C-alpha atoms as a PDB file:
ATOM      1  CA  UNK A   1     202.365  17.093  82.691  1.00  0.00           C
ATOM      2  CA  UNK A   2     199.077  18.062  81.081  1.00  0.00           C
ATOM      3  CA  UNK A   3     197.220  17.494  84.330  1.00  0.00           C
ATOM      4  CA  UNK A   4     199.673  19.712  86.178  1.00  0.00           C
ATOM      5  CA  UNK A   5     199.229  22.539  83.666  1.00  0.00           C
ATOM      6  CA  UNK A   6     195.463  22.157  83.875  1.00  0.00           C
ATOM      7  CA  UNK A   7     195.606  22.453  87.673  1.00  0.00           C
ATOM      8  CA  UNK A   8     197.688  25.635  87.396  1.00  0.00           C
ATOM      9  CA  UNK A   9     195.250  27.165  84.909  1.00  0.00           C
ATOM     10  CA  UNK A  10     192.234  26.397  87.062  1.00  0.00           C
ATOM     11  CA  UNK A  11     193.934  27.786  90.164  1.00  0.00           C
ATOM     12  CA  UNK A  12     194.983  30.934  88.304  1.00  0.00           C
ATOM     13  CA  UNK A  13     191.479  31.498  86.944  1.00  0.00           C
ATOM     14  CA  UNK A  14     190.031  31.193  90.414  1.00  0.00           C
ATOM     15  CA  UNK A  15     192.547  33.653  91.865  1.00  0.00           C
ATOM     16  CA  UNK A  16     193.933  31.120  94.386  1.00  0.00           C
ATOM     17  CA  UNK A  17     197.512  29.949  94.786  1.00  0.00           C
ATOM     18  CA  UNK A  18     198.260  26.494  93.361  1.00  0.00           C
ATOM     19  CA  UNK A  19     198.408  23.761  95.942  1.00  0.00           C
ATOM     20  CA  UNK A  20     201.757  22.177  96.520  1.00  0.00           C
ATOM     21  CA  UNK A  21     200.172  18.856  97.384  1.00  0.00           C
ATOM     22  CA  UNK A  22     196.827  17.228  97.136  1.00  0.00           C
ATOM     23  CA  UNK A  23     194.368  18.112  99.841  1.00  0.00           C
ATOM     24  CA  UNK A  24     190.687  18.504 100.492  1.00  0.00           C
ATOM     25  CA  UNK A  25     188.901  20.349  97.694  1.00  0.00           C
ATOM     26  CA  UNK A  26     188.133  23.949  98.679  1.00  0.00           C
ATOM     27  CA  UNK A  27     184.614  25.280  98.808  1.00  0.00           C
ATOM     28  CA  UNK A  28     183.488  27.015  95.610  1.00  0.00           C
ATOM     29  CA  UNK A  29     183.956  30.762  95.611  1.00  0.00           C
ATOM     30  CA  UNK A  30     180.922  32.858  96.414  1.00  0.00           C
ATOM     31  CA  UNK A  31     179.778  34.701  93.313  1.00  0.00           C
ATOM     32  CA  UNK A  32     179.828  38.478  93.228  1.00  0.00           C
ATOM     33  CA  UNK A  33     176.086  38.605  92.611  1.00  0.00           C
ATOM     34  CA  UNK A  34     175.439  36.419  95.670  1.00  0.00           C
ATOM     35  CA  UNK A  35     177.482  38.737  97.891  1.00  0.00           C
ATOM     36  CA  UNK A  36     175.633  41.798  96.557  1.00  0.00           C
ATOM     37  CA  UNK A  37     172.272  40.036  96.968  1.00  0.00           C
ATOM     38  CA  UNK A  38     173.113  39.423 100.627  1.00  0.00           C
ATOM     39  CA  UNK A  39     173.697  43.164 101.109  1.00  0.00           C
ATOM     40  CA  UNK A  40     170.380  43.948  99.415  1.00  0.00           C
ATOM     41  CA  UNK A  41     168.546  41.519 101.708  1.00  0.00           C
ATOM     42  CA  UNK A  42     170.210  43.054 104.766  1.00  0.00           C
ATOM     43  CA  UNK A  43     169.210  46.546 103.647  1.00  0.00           C
ATOM     44  CA  UNK A  44     165.626  45.438 103.050  1.00  0.00           C
ATOM     45  CA  UNK A  45     165.485  43.877 106.519  1.00  0.00           C
ATOM     46  CA  UNK A  46     166.834  47.032 108.173  1.00  0.00           C
ATOM     47  CA  UNK A  47     164.295  49.131 106.303  1.00  0.00           C
ATOM     48  CA  UNK A  48     161.488  46.771 107.360  1.00  0.00           C
ATOM     49  CA  UNK A  49     162.520  46.873 111.026  1.00  0.00           C
ATOM     50  CA  UNK A  50     162.815  50.661 110.940  1.00  0.00           C
ATOM     51  CA  UNK A  51     159.396  51.077 109.287  1.00  0.00           C
ATOM     52  CA  UNK A  52     157.805  48.923 111.989  1.00  0.00           C
ATOM     53  CA  UNK A  53     159.569  50.933 114.693  1.00  0.00           C
ATOM     54  CA  UNK A  54     158.511  54.263 113.149  1.00  0.00           C
ATOM     55  CA  UNK A  55     154.948  52.940 112.888  1.00  0.00           C
ATOM     56  CA  UNK A  56     154.780  52.979 116.687  1.00  0.00           C
ATOM     57  CA  UNK A  57     155.130  56.790 116.629  1.00  0.00           C
ATOM     58  CA  UNK A  58     152.594  57.489 113.898  1.00  0.00           C
ATOM     59  CA  UNK A  59     150.122  59.110 116.328  1.00  0.00           C
ATOM     60  CA  UNK A  60     152.742  61.372 117.900  1.00  0.00           C
ATOM     61  CA  UNK A  61     153.538  64.878 116.740  1.00  0.00           C
ATOM     62  CA  UNK A  62     154.824  65.016 113.181  1.00  0.00           C
ATOM     63  CA  UNK A  63     158.613  65.246 113.036  1.00  0.00           C
ATOM     64  CA  UNK A  64     159.097  64.228 116.663  1.00  0.00           C
ATOM     65  CA  UNK A  65     161.435  61.362 115.760  1.00  0.00           C
ATOM     66  CA  UNK A  66     163.319  63.148 112.970  1.00  0.00           C
ATOM     67  CA  UNK A  67     166.000  64.949 115.073  1.00  0.00           C
ATOM     68  CA  UNK A  68     166.828  61.687 116.909  1.00  0.00           C
ATOM     69  CA  UNK A  69     166.509  59.355 113.940  1.00  0.00           C
ATOM     70  CA  UNK A  70     170.203  58.238 113.673  1.00  0.00           C
ATOM     71  CA  UNK A  71     170.315  56.984 117.270  1.00  0.00           C
ATOM     72  CA  UNK A  72     167.290  54.617 117.135  1.00  0.00           C
ATOM     73  CA  UNK A  73     168.542  53.323 113.777  1.00  0.00           C
ATOM     74  CA  UNK A  74     171.943  52.577 115.298  1.00  0.00           C
ATOM     75  CA  UNK A  75     170.321  50.762 118.235  1.00  0.00           C
ATOM     76  CA  UNK A  76     168.216  48.620 115.903  1.00  0.00           C
ATOM     77  CA  UNK A  77     171.287  47.802 113.811  1.00  0.00           C
ATOM     78  CA  UNK A  78     173.174  46.800 116.960  1.00  0.00           C
ATOM     79  CA  UNK A  79     170.258  44.572 117.901  1.00  0.00           C
ATOM     80  CA  UNK A  80     170.435  42.872 114.501  1.00  0.00           C
ATOM     81  CA  UNK A  81     174.220  42.556 114.844  1.00  0.00           C
ATOM     82  CA  UNK A  82     173.820  40.846 118.220  1.00  0.00           C
ATOM     83  CA  UNK A  83     171.631  38.042 116.838  1.00  0.00           C
ATOM     84  CA  UNK A  84     173.367  37.671 113.456  1.00  0.00           C
ATOM     85  CA  UNK A  85     177.078  38.467 113.253  1.00  0.00           C
ATOM     86  CA  UNK A  86     177.817  37.997 116.948  1.00  0.00           C
ATOM     87  CA  UNK A  87     175.941  34.686 117.143  1.00  0.00           C
ATOM     88  CA  UNK A  88     176.440  33.059 113.741  1.00  0.00           C
ATOM     89  CA  UNK A  89     179.189  35.027 111.931  1.00  0.00           C
ATOM     90  CA  UNK A  90     176.653  35.766 109.197  1.00  0.00           C
ATOM     91  CA  UNK A  91     174.092  38.422 108.438  1.00  0.00           C
ATOM     92  CA  UNK A  92     170.457  37.598 107.730  1.00  0.00           C
ATOM     93  CA  UNK A  93     170.950  37.977 103.988  1.00  0.00           C
ATOM     94  CA  UNK A  94     173.968  35.695 104.070  1.00  0.00           C
ATOM     95  CA  UNK A  95     172.087  33.086 106.091  1.00  0.00           C
ATOM     96  CA  UNK A  96     169.318  33.052 103.483  1.00  0.00           C
ATOM     97  CA  UNK A  97     171.914  32.426 100.767  1.00  0.00           C
ATOM     98  CA  UNK A  98     173.861  29.835 102.828  1.00  0.00           C
ATOM     99  CA  UNK A  99     176.839  32.170 103.251  1.00  0.00           C
ATOM    100  CA  UNK A 100     178.866  33.059 106.334  1.00  0.00           C
ATOM    101  CA  UNK A 101     182.052  34.955 107.145  1.00  0.00           C
ATOM    102  CA  UNK A 102     185.383  33.178 107.370  1.00  0.00           C
ATOM    103  CA  UNK A 103     188.391  34.498 109.245  1.00  0.00           C
ATOM    104  CA  UNK A 104     190.773  34.885 106.305  1.00  0.00           C
ATOM    105  CA  UNK A 105     193.612  36.035 108.580  1.00  0.00           C
ATOM    106  CA  UNK A 106     194.179  32.384 109.509  1.00  0.00           C
ATOM    107  CA  UNK A 107     195.689  30.596 106.478  1.00  0.00           C
ATOM    108  CA  UNK A 108     194.431  27.255 105.288  1.00  0.00           C
ATOM    109  CA  UNK A 109     191.321  25.741 103.781  1.00  0.00           C
ATOM    110  CA  UNK A 110     189.736  24.905 107.132  1.00  0.00           C
ATOM    111  CA  UNK A 111     186.877  27.124 108.167  1.00  0.00           C
ATOM    112  CA  UNK A 112     187.624  29.459 111.068  1.00  0.00           C
ATOM    113  CA  UNK A 113     184.747  31.630 112.390  1.00  0.00           C
ATOM    114  CA  UNK A 114     185.117  35.296 113.188  1.00  0.00           C
ATOM    115  CA  UNK A 115     187.009  36.085 116.351  1.00  0.00           C
ATOM    116  CA  UNK A 116     185.405  38.187 119.061  1.00  0.00           C
ATOM    117  CA  UNK A 117     187.561  41.266 118.313  1.00  0.00           C
ATOM    118  CA  UNK A 118     186.601  40.998 114.664  1.00  0.00           C
ATOM    119  CA  UNK A 119     182.906  40.940 115.590  1.00  0.00           C
ATOM    120  CA  UNK A 120     183.192  44.043 117.756  1.00  0.00           C
ATOM    121  CA  UNK A 121     185.248  45.886 115.161  1.00  0.00           C
ATOM    122  CA  UNK A 122     182.678  44.883 112.549  1.00  0.00           C
ATOM    123  CA  UNK A 123     179.920  46.488 114.625  1.00  0.00           C
ATOM    124  CA  UNK A 124     181.992  49.636 115.135  1.00  0.00           C
ATOM    125  CA  UNK A 125     182.933  50.010 111.477  1.00  0.00           C
ATOM    126  CA  UNK A 126     179.450  49.299 110.119  1.00  0.00           C
ATOM    127  CA  UNK A 127     176.946  50.609 112.655  1.00  0.00           C
ATOM    128  CA  UNK A 128     179.251  53.391 113.828  1.00  0.00           C
ATOM    129  CA  UNK A 129     180.084  54.439 110.274  1.00  0.00           C
ATOM    130  CA  UNK A 130     176.390  54.676 109.319  1.00  0.00           C
ATOM    131  CA  UNK A 131     175.582  56.666 112.459  1.00  0.00           C
ATOM    132  CA  UNK A 132     178.508  59.052 111.904  1.00  0.00           C
ATOM    133  CA  UNK A 133     177.589  59.578 108.255  1.00  0.00           C
ATOM    134  CA  UNK A 134     174.015  60.498 109.186  1.00  0.00           C
ATOM    135  CA  UNK A 135     175.114  62.665 112.102  1.00  0.00           C
ATOM    136  CA  UNK A 136     178.023  64.394 110.321  1.00  0.00           C
ATOM    137  CA  UNK A 137     175.863  67.144 108.870  1.00  0.00           C
ATOM    138  CA  UNK A 138     174.525  68.302 112.247  1.00  0.00           C
ATOM    139  CA  UNK A 139     177.797  67.674 114.107  1.00  0.00           C
ATOM    140  CA  UNK A 140     180.127  69.549 111.763  1.00  0.00           C
ATOM    141  CA  UNK A 141     177.797  72.141 110.261  1.00  0.00           C
ATOM    142  CA  UNK A 142     178.488  75.091 112.548  1.00  0.00           C
ATOM    143  CA  UNK A 143     182.231  74.524 112.954  1.00  0.00           C
ATOM    144  CA  UNK A 144     184.764  76.933 111.400  1.00  0.00           C
ATOM    145  CA  UNK A 145     186.596  75.956 108.246  1.00  0.00           C
ATOM    146  CA  UNK A 146     189.854  75.088 110.044  1.00  0.00           C
ATOM    147  CA  UNK A 147     188.293  73.338 113.025  1.00  0.00           C
ATOM    148  CA  UNK A 148     188.723  69.682 113.903  1.00  0.00           C
ATOM    149  CA  UNK A 149     185.099  69.019 113.001  1.00  0.00           C
ATOM    150  CA  UNK A 150     185.596  70.138 109.423  1.00  0.00           C
ATOM    151  CA  UNK A 151     188.798  68.079 109.232  1.00  0.00           C
ATOM    152  CA  UNK A 152     186.896  65.032 110.462  1.00  0.00           C
ATOM    153  CA  UNK A 153     184.322  65.604 107.739  1.00  0.00           C
ATOM    154  CA  UNK A 154     187.100  65.677 105.142  1.00  0.00           C
ATOM    155  CA  UNK A 155     188.378  62.378 106.534  1.00  0.00           C
ATOM    156  CA  UNK A 156     184.888  60.916 106.068  1.00  0.00           C
ATOM    157  CA  UNK A 157     184.834  62.054 102.453  1.00  0.00           C
ATOM    158  CA  UNK A 158     188.233  60.421 101.894  1.00  0.00           C
ATOM    159  CA  UNK A 159     186.942  57.171 103.408  1.00  0.00           C
ATOM    160  CA  UNK A 160     183.948  57.354 101.066  1.00  0.00           C
ATOM    161  CA  UNK A 161     186.352  57.613  98.133  1.00  0.00           C
ATOM    162  CA  UNK A 162     188.354  54.636  99.408  1.00  0.00           C
ATOM    163  CA  UNK A 163     185.106  52.655  99.671  1.00  0.00           C
ATOM    164  CA  UNK A 164     184.414  53.276  95.986  1.00  0.00           C
ATOM    165  CA  UNK A 165     187.962  52.232  95.063  1.00  0.00           C
ATOM    166  CA  UNK A 166     187.536  49.060  97.123  1.00  0.00           C
ATOM    167  CA  UNK A 167     184.311  48.277  95.280  1.00  0.00           C
ATOM    168  CA  UNK A 168     186.130  48.549  91.952  1.00  0.00           C
ATOM    169  CA  UNK A 169     188.687  46.059  93.246  1.00  0.00           C
ATOM    170  CA  UNK A 170     185.844  43.778  94.301  1.00  0.00           C
ATOM    171  CA  UNK A 171     184.359  43.878  90.799  1.00  0.00           C
ATOM    172  CA  UNK A 172     187.762  42.913  89.403  1.00  0.00           C
ATOM    173  CA  UNK A 173     188.786  40.205  91.873  1.00  0.00           C
ATOM    174  CA  UNK A 174     185.501  39.071  93.432  1.00  0.00           C
ATOM    175  CA  UNK A 175     186.603  39.369  97.074  1.00  0.00           C
ATOM    176  CA  UNK A 176     186.012  41.905  99.871  1.00  0.00           C
ATOM    177  CA  UNK A 177     183.059  43.939  98.587  1.00  0.00           C
ATOM    178  CA  UNK A 178     183.309  46.385 101.522  1.00  0.00           C
ATOM    179  CA  UNK A 179     186.281  48.149 103.027  1.00  0.00           C
ATOM    180  CA  UNK A 180     185.366  46.767 106.458  1.00  0.00           C
ATOM    181  CA  UNK A 181     185.711  43.184 105.246  1.00  0.00           C
ATOM    182  CA  UNK A 182     189.082  43.978 103.665  1.00  0.00           C
ATOM    183  CA  UNK A 183     190.430  45.660 106.818  1.00  0.00           C
ATOM    184  CA  UNK A 184     189.217  42.884 109.140  1.00  0.00           C
ATOM    185  CA  UNK A 185     190.119  40.005 106.814  1.00  0.00           C
ATOM    186  CA  UNK A 186     186.581  38.623 106.481  1.00  0.00           C
ATOM    187  CA  UNK A 187     185.825  36.447 103.496  1.00  0.00           C
ATOM    188  CA  UNK A 188     182.325  35.143 102.681  1.00  0.00           C
ATOM    189  CA  UNK A 189     182.196  31.396 102.084  1.00  0.00           C
ATOM    190  CA  UNK A 190     179.398  28.873 101.714  1.00  0.00           C
ATOM    191  CA  UNK A 191     178.143  27.404 104.964  1.00  0.00           C
ATOM    192  CA  UNK A 192     177.516  24.035 103.306  1.00  0.00           C
ATOM    193  CA  UNK A 193     178.755  22.365 100.112  1.00  0.00           C
ATOM    194  CA  UNK A 194     176.951  23.533  97.006  1.00  0.00           C
ATOM    195  CA  UNK A 195     175.664  20.948  94.572  1.00  0.00           C
ATOM    196  CA  UNK A 196     175.549  21.398  90.815  1.00  0.00           C
ATOM    197  CA  UNK A 197     172.891  23.781  89.573  1.00  0.00           C
ATOM    198  CA  UNK A 198     170.380  22.002  87.368  1.00  0.00           C
ATOM    199  CA  UNK A 199     168.466  24.226  84.992  1.00  0.00           C
ATOM    200  CA  UNK A 200     164.759  23.438  85.077  1.00  0.00           C
ATOM    201  CA  UNK A 201     162.907  24.585  81.996  1.00  0.00           C
ATOM    202  CA  UNK A 202     159.450  23.647  83.292  1.00  0.00           C
ATOM    203  CA  UNK A 203     158.756  27.070  84.759  1.00  0.00           C
ATOM    204  CA  UNK A 204     160.162  28.796  81.663  1.00  0.00           C
ATOM    205  CA  UNK A 205     157.992  26.715  79.335  1.00  0.00           C
ATOM    206  CA  UNK A 206     154.904  27.438  81.411  1.00  0.00           C
ATOM    207  CA  UNK A 207     155.592  31.177  81.335  1.00  0.00           C
ATOM    208  CA  UNK A 208     156.133  31.121  77.564  1.00  0.00           C
ATOM    209  CA  UNK A 209     152.874  29.211  77.106  1.00  0.00           C
ATOM    210  CA  UNK A 210     150.840  31.651  79.183  1.00  0.00           C
ATOM    211  CA  UNK A 211     152.530  34.612  77.512  1.00  0.00           C
ATOM    212  CA  UNK A 212     151.579  33.297  74.077  1.00  0.00           C
ATOM    213  CA  UNK A 213     148.032  32.567  75.223  1.00  0.00           C
ATOM    214  CA  UNK A 214     147.699  36.109  76.628  1.00  0.00           C
ATOM    215  CA  UNK A 215     148.889  37.603  73.335  1.00  0.00           C
ATOM    216  CA  UNK A 216     146.350  35.462  71.477  1.00  0.00           C
ATOM    217  CA  UNK A 217     143.536  36.716  73.732  1.00  0.00           C
ATOM    218  CA  UNK A 218     144.655  40.325  73.287  1.00  0.00           C
ATOM    219  CA  UNK A 219     144.433  39.829  69.532  1.00  0.00           C
ATOM    220  CA  UNK A 220     141.152  37.906  69.612  1.00  0.00           C
ATOM    221  CA  UNK A 221     139.005  39.789  72.140  1.00  0.00           C
ATOM    222  CA  UNK A 222     138.624  43.017  70.111  1.00  0.00           C
ATOM    223  CA  UNK A 223     137.205  40.933  67.231  1.00  0.00           C
ATOM    224  CA  UNK A 224     134.379  39.524  69.370  1.00  0.00           C
ATOM    225  CA  UNK A 225     131.079  41.379  69.297  1.00  0.00           C
ATOM    226  CA  UNK A 226     130.275  41.343  72.992  1.00  0.00           C
ATOM    227  CA  UNK A 227     126.903  43.070  72.638  1.00  0.00           C
ATOM    228  CA  UNK A 228     125.728  40.598  70.042  1.00  0.00           C
ATOM    229  CA  UNK A 229     126.912  37.721  72.174  1.00  0.00           C
ATOM    230  CA  UNK A 230     125.021  39.084  75.182  1.00  0.00           C
ATOM    231  CA  UNK A 231     121.914  39.604  73.060  1.00  0.00           C
ATOM    232  CA  UNK A 232     122.097  36.037  71.790  1.00  0.00           C
ATOM    233  CA  UNK A 233     122.402  34.686  75.314  1.00  0.00           C
ATOM    234  CA  UNK A 234     119.547  36.914  76.501  1.00  0.00           C
ATOM    235  CA  UNK A 235     117.350  35.799  73.585  1.00  0.00           C
ATOM    236  CA  UNK A 236     118.201  32.196  74.364  1.00  0.00           C
ATOM    237  CA  UNK A 237     116.954  32.463  77.933  1.00  0.00           C
ATOM    238  CA  UNK A 238     114.065  34.849  77.242  1.00  0.00           C
ATOM    239  CA  UNK A 239     111.534  31.981  76.757  1.00  0.00           C
ATOM    240  CA  UNK A 240     112.343  30.824  80.293  1.00  0.00           C
ATOM    241  CA  UNK A 241     111.554  34.279  81.565  1.00  0.00           C
ATOM    242  CA  UNK A 242     108.259  34.275  79.759  1.00  0.00           C
ATOM    243  CA  UNK A 243     107.334  30.892  81.226  1.00  0.00           C
ATOM    244  CA  UNK A 244     108.170  32.114  84.721  1.00  0.00           C
ATOM    245  CA  UNK A 245     106.248  35.347  84.209  1.00  0.00           C
ATOM    246  CA  UNK A 246     109.313  37.562  84.701  1.00  0.00           C
ATOM    247  CA  UNK A 247     109.306  39.167  81.308  1.00  0.00           C
ATOM    248  CA  UNK A 248     107.570  42.211  82.714  1.00  0.00           C
ATOM    249  CA  UNK A 249     104.609  44.225  81.597  1.00  0.00           C
ATOM    250  CA  UNK A 250     104.367  46.882  78.940  1.00  0.00           C
ATOM    251  CA  UNK A 251     105.236  49.412  81.640  1.00  0.00           C
ATOM    252  CA  UNK A 252     108.646  47.833  82.242  1.00  0.00           C
ATOM    253  CA  UNK A 253     109.372  47.681  78.507  1.00  0.00           C
ATOM    254  CA  UNK A 254     108.658  51.377  78.005  1.00  0.00           C
ATOM    255  CA  UNK A 255     110.245  52.885  81.124  1.00  0.00           C
ATOM    256  CA  UNK A 256     113.616  51.168  80.927  1.00  0.00           C
ATOM    257  CA  UNK A 257     116.364  51.448  78.316  1.00  0.00           C
ATOM    258  CA  UNK A 258     117.210  48.066  76.874  1.00  0.00           C
ATOM    259  CA  UNK A 259     120.924  48.923  76.904  1.00  0.00           C
ATOM    260  CA  UNK A 260     121.677  50.867  80.091  1.00  0.00           C
ATOM    261  CA  UNK A 261     118.598  49.862  82.114  1.00  0.00           C
ATOM    262  CA  UNK A 262     117.847  53.457  83.159  1.00  0.00           C
ATOM    263  CA  UNK A 263     114.920  55.740  82.367  1.00  0.00           C
ATOM    264  CA  UNK A 264     115.218  56.428  78.615  1.00  0.00           C
ATOM    265  CA  UNK A 265     116.777  59.751  77.695  1.00  0.00           C
ATOM    266  CA  UNK A 266     115.300  60.949  74.405  1.00  0.00           C
ATOM    267  CA  UNK A 267     113.514  57.573  74.009  1.00  0.00           C
ATOM    268  CA  UNK A 268     113.651  55.862  70.621  1.00  0.00           C
ATOM    269  CA  UNK A 269     112.628  52.483  69.270  1.00  0.00           C
ATOM    270  CA  UNK A 270     114.325  50.386  66.622  1.00  0.00           C
ATOM    271  CA  UNK A 271     111.782  47.900  65.314  1.00  0.00           C
ATOM    272  CA  UNK A 272     110.928  46.008  68.507  1.00  0.00           C
ATOM    273  CA  UNK A 273     108.800  46.655  71.567  1.00  0.00           C
ATOM    274  CA  UNK A 274     111.747  47.816  73.671  1.00  0.00           C
ATOM    275  CA  UNK A 275     112.765  51.427  74.190  1.00  0.00           C
ATOM    276  CA  UNK A 276     116.309  52.835  74.071  1.00  0.00           C
ATOM    277  CA  UNK A 277     118.061  56.009  74.970  1.00  0.00           C
ATOM    278  CA  UNK A 278     118.876  57.808  71.773  1.00  0.00           C
ATOM    279  CA  UNK A 279     122.593  57.945  72.455  1.00  0.00           C
ATOM    280  CA  UNK A 280     122.722  54.297  73.591  1.00  0.00           C
ATOM    281  CA  UNK A 281     120.982  53.167  70.426  1.00  0.00           C
ATOM    282  CA  UNK A 282     122.828  55.479  68.059  1.00  0.00           C
ATOM    283  CA  UNK A 283     126.307  54.706  69.383  1.00  0.00           C
ATOM    284  CA  UNK A 284     125.719  50.951  69.200  1.00  0.00           C
ATOM    285  CA  UNK A 285     124.264  51.076  65.678  1.00  0.00           C
ATOM    286  CA  UNK A 286     127.246  53.147  64.514  1.00  0.00           C
ATOM    287  CA  UNK A 287     129.686  50.698  66.112  1.00  0.00           C
ATOM    288  CA  UNK A 288     127.818  47.635  64.804  1.00  0.00           C
ATOM    289  CA  UNK A 289     125.690  47.711  61.644  1.00  0.00           C
ATOM    290  CA  UNK A 290     124.055  44.427  62.639  1.00  0.00           C
ATOM    291  CA  UNK A 291     123.224  45.584  66.165  1.00  0.00           C
ATOM    292  CA  UNK A 292     120.441  43.553  67.777  1.00  0.00           C
ATOM    293  CA  UNK A 293     118.274  44.330  70.751  1.00  0.00           C
ATOM    294  CA  UNK A 294     119.969  43.091  73.940  1.00  0.00           C
ATOM    295  CA  UNK A 295     116.590  42.039  75.364  1.00  0.00           C
ATOM    296  CA  UNK A 296     114.899  40.134  72.552  1.00  0.00           C
ATOM    297  CA  UNK A 297     117.693  39.670  70.002  1.00  0.00           C
ATOM    298  CA  UNK A 298     115.720  41.230  67.103  1.00  0.00           C
ATOM    299  CA  UNK A 299     117.919  43.067  64.623  1.00  0.00           C
ATOM    300  CA  UNK A 300     117.359  46.813  64.802  1.00  0.00           C
ATOM    301  CA  UNK A 301     115.707  48.620  61.923  1.00  0.00           C
ATOM    302  CA  UNK A 302     114.547  52.185  61.503  1.00  0.00           C
ATOM    303  CA  UNK A 303     115.167  54.393  64.504  1.00  0.00           C
ATOM    304  CA  UNK A 304     112.030  56.254  65.502  1.00  0.00           C
ATOM    305  CA  UNK A 305     111.401  58.594  68.420  1.00  0.00           C
ATOM    306  CA  UNK A 306     109.025  57.449  71.134  1.00  0.00           C
ATOM    307  CA  UNK A 307     106.823  59.623  73.316  1.00  0.00           C
ATOM    308  CA  UNK A 308     106.351  58.379  76.851  1.00  0.00           C
ATOM    309  CA  UNK A 309     103.552  59.511  79.161  1.00  0.00           C
ATOM    310  CA  UNK A 310     103.290  59.151  82.880  1.00  0.00           C
ATOM    311  CA  UNK A 311     100.743  56.463  82.309  1.00  0.00           C
ATOM    312  CA  UNK A 312     103.466  54.492  80.486  1.00  0.00           C
ATOM    313  CA  UNK A 313     101.575  54.461  77.247  1.00  0.00           C
ATOM    314  CA  UNK A 314     103.759  54.027  74.189  1.00  0.00           C
ATOM    315  CA  UNK A 315     103.199  56.484  71.332  1.00  0.00           C
ATOM    316  CA  UNK A 316     105.289  56.838  68.203  1.00  0.00           C
ATOM    317  CA  UNK A 317     105.448  60.326  66.857  1.00  0.00           C
END
């Protein structure tokens, strides 16, 4: 008795009729998000194909393809339909998610593929509907208010409203996300049995670790005195430069700013034999009281102006 009630509850929650007798277990229902993801993948593929097609006309006159744009789009969509729906009863997005269309007009749990009339009607109601929606503005624009063209445009607006109502029903029941699928009796099902979904926390733990490490670096890096660190490293390797004879002469020391490496602007010294631009030296000493020379590592002292001659002689005023 309890088992029978449990079976009825499960069947009612899934939206299916209870089975009168035991049979093969049905395939799990395709989630709403999976059906919508398939549509998003199909739209992305169509956009990619169209962008590649339009790229072929990039050197032609600007706007040459714009008046005829709905027709090439419809042809490309028919080409995709030929190698997807017509061949495999599934779109590209559905194939990536292991989904395909089932002919729901035939009762039973056995899988029945789309019939040939259903495939052709699917192409007419999808590709034709998109082409007509894009062409409706130019087709019905110059017609009088009571003409058949304006009436056809009103019919299109009514169909658009019915499409929105159908989508609300899909959100409630989880079946037939488009009006075309509801009219043709097409139901998306899994193409192969789905195993249980195991949650793997390895990726999540790795992301949390790197996120915490990045926050630690963001907090730590502003506290590091980069200039002092560079000066310490430069002072550490300066004896090697002296041994190799690459320290440079007095001319190099006086004609090059120790900070920016350019010709000193308003040259000043700060207690060592190197020369600085005034603004380079002043800004660094304001930012760091214990600022040291990046070349020799000597802590800066009194800032004094330096007079440079063409002969590179160093004179303190």
